[in-house]
């Protein structure tokens, strides 16, 4: 489970880095505001994971995403 947490934290850092790069190149606009929100959300999620305030629960690879039903095999 620790490896999954580390991997998730690293992916959140990548999201932050990419969003910071996009933010630096965008002019003031709605798109830039959205990118800034992405930065903040990734930072908050990463902080919660690192502080142990939330945990990652694994789901089976065959599990459907929330809100989507799994289709039966033909």
C-alpha atoms as a PDB file:
ATOM      1  CA  UNK A   1       0.000   0.000   0.000  1.00  0.00           C
ATOM      2  CA  UNK A   2       2.915   2.356   0.704  1.00  0.00           C
ATOM      3  CA  UNK A   3       4.091   1.991  -2.892  1.00  0.00           C
ATOM      4  CA  UNK A   4       0.627   2.940  -4.166  1.00  0.00           C
ATOM      5  CA  UNK A   5       0.604   6.003  -1.918  1.00  0.00           C
ATOM      6  CA  UNK A   6       4.085   7.052  -3.042  1.00  0.00           C
ATOM      7  CA  UNK A   7       3.106   6.557  -6.685  1.00  0.00           C
ATOM      8  CA  UNK A   8      -0.075   8.603  -6.219  1.00  0.00           C
ATOM      9  CA  UNK A   9       1.811  11.420  -4.452  1.00  0.00           C
ATOM     10  CA  UNK A  10       4.358  11.463  -7.295  1.00  0.00           C
ATOM     11  CA  UNK A  11       1.573  11.667  -9.888  1.00  0.00           C
ATOM     12  CA  UNK A  12      -0.013  14.567  -8.007  1.00  0.00           C
ATOM     13  CA  UNK A  13       3.385  16.326  -8.033  1.00  0.00           C
ATOM     14  CA  UNK A  14       3.567  15.788 -11.814  1.00  0.00           C
ATOM     15  CA  UNK A  15       0.099  17.314 -12.197  1.00  0.00           C
ATOM     16  CA  UNK A  16       1.241  20.320 -10.160  1.00  0.00           C
ATOM     17  CA  UNK A  17       4.423  20.720 -12.217  1.00  0.00           C
ATOM     18  CA  UNK A  18       2.613  20.482 -15.556  1.00  0.00           C
ATOM     19  CA  UNK A  19      -0.090  22.875 -14.391  1.00  0.00           C
ATOM     20  CA  UNK A  20       2.536  25.376 -13.175  1.00  0.00           C
ATOM     21  CA  UNK A  21       4.212  25.260 -16.606  1.00  0.00           C
ATOM     22  CA  UNK A  22       0.876  25.794 -18.382  1.00  0.00           C
ATOM     23  CA  UNK A  23      -0.052  28.565 -15.957  1.00  0.00           C
ATOM     24  CA  UNK A  24       3.183  30.416 -16.689  1.00  0.00           C
ATOM     25  CA  UNK A  25       2.445  30.448 -20.421  1.00  0.00           C
ATOM     26  CA  UNK A  26      -1.261  31.299 -20.377  1.00  0.00           C
ATOM     27  CA  UNK A  27      -2.517  34.874 -20.511  1.00  0.00           C
ATOM     28  CA  UNK A  28      -5.046  35.982 -17.896  1.00  0.00           C
ATOM     29  CA  UNK A  29      -8.190  34.079 -18.853  1.00  0.00           C
ATOM     30  CA  UNK A  30     -10.713  31.517 -17.697  1.00  0.00           C
ATOM     31  CA  UNK A  31      -8.329  28.748 -18.811  1.00  0.00           C
ATOM     32  CA  UNK A  32      -5.566  30.137 -16.611  1.00  0.00           C
ATOM     33  CA  UNK A  33      -7.960  30.314 -13.653  1.00  0.00           C
ATOM     34  CA  UNK A  34      -8.892  26.659 -14.229  1.00  0.00           C
ATOM     35  CA  UNK A  35      -5.213  25.663 -14.296  1.00  0.00           C
ATOM     36  CA  UNK A  36      -4.660  27.532 -11.034  1.00  0.00           C
ATOM     37  CA  UNK A  37      -7.527  25.539  -9.477  1.00  0.00           C
ATOM     38  CA  UNK A  38      -5.911  22.307 -10.680  1.00  0.00           C
ATOM     39  CA  UNK A  39      -2.663  23.333  -8.974  1.00  0.00           C
ATOM     40  CA  UNK A  40      -4.443  24.040  -5.695  1.00  0.00           C
ATOM     41  CA  UNK A  41      -6.481  20.822  -5.765  1.00  0.00           C
ATOM     42  CA  UNK A  42      -3.442  18.652  -6.534  1.00  0.00           C
ATOM     43  CA  UNK A  43      -1.501  20.369  -3.752  1.00  0.00           C
ATOM     44  CA  UNK A  44      -4.344  19.847  -1.241  1.00  0.00           C
ATOM     45  CA  UNK A  45      -4.750  16.167  -2.169  1.00  0.00           C
ATOM     46  CA  UNK A  46      -0.996  15.577  -1.993  1.00  0.00           C
ATOM     47  CA  UNK A  47      -0.824  17.314   1.392  1.00  0.00           C
ATOM     48  CA  UNK A  48      -3.643  15.181   2.779  1.00  0.00           C
ATOM     49  CA  UNK A  49      -1.983  11.996   1.554  1.00  0.00           C
ATOM     50  CA  UNK A  50       1.401  12.963   2.952  1.00  0.00           C
ATOM     51  CA  UNK A  51      -0.137  13.939   6.316  1.00  0.00           C
ATOM     52  CA  UNK A  52      -2.076  10.678   6.493  1.00  0.00           C
ATOM     53  CA  UNK A  53      -5.448  12.446   6.539  1.00  0.00           C
ATOM     54  CA  UNK A  54      -6.705  10.254   3.689  1.00  0.00           C
ATOM     55  CA  UNK A  55      -5.794   6.835   2.420  1.00  0.00           C
ATOM     56  CA  UNK A  56      -5.879   5.181  -0.966  1.00  0.00           C
ATOM     57  CA  UNK A  57      -8.269   2.263  -1.232  1.00  0.00           C
ATOM     58  CA  UNK A  58      -7.508  -0.126  -4.049  1.00  0.00           C
ATOM     59  CA  UNK A  59     -10.251  -1.394  -6.285  1.00  0.00           C
ATOM     60  CA  UNK A  60     -10.016  -4.393  -8.501  1.00  0.00           C
ATOM     61  CA  UNK A  61      -8.932  -3.776 -12.069  1.00  0.00           C
ATOM     62  CA  UNK A  62     -12.262  -5.121 -13.202  1.00  0.00           C
ATOM     63  CA  UNK A  63     -14.255  -2.646 -11.120  1.00  0.00           C
ATOM     64  CA  UNK A  64     -16.230  -0.098 -13.094  1.00  0.00           C
ATOM     65  CA  UNK A  65     -15.623   3.586 -12.409  1.00  0.00           C
ATOM     66  CA  UNK A  66     -18.165   5.152 -10.035  1.00  0.00           C
ATOM     67  CA  UNK A  67     -21.430   5.835 -11.807  1.00  0.00           C
ATOM     68  CA  UNK A  68     -20.766   3.388 -14.627  1.00  0.00           C
ATOM     69  CA  UNK A  69     -22.190  -0.087 -14.743  1.00  0.00           C
ATOM     70  CA  UNK A  70     -20.057  -3.011 -15.734  1.00  0.00           C
ATOM     71  CA  UNK A  71     -21.236  -4.625 -18.954  1.00  0.00           C
ATOM     72  CA  UNK A  72     -21.670  -8.397 -18.865  1.00  0.00           C
ATOM     73  CA  UNK A  73     -19.360 -10.457 -21.074  1.00  0.00           C
ATOM     74  CA  UNK A  74     -20.880 -11.623 -24.345  1.00  0.00           C
END
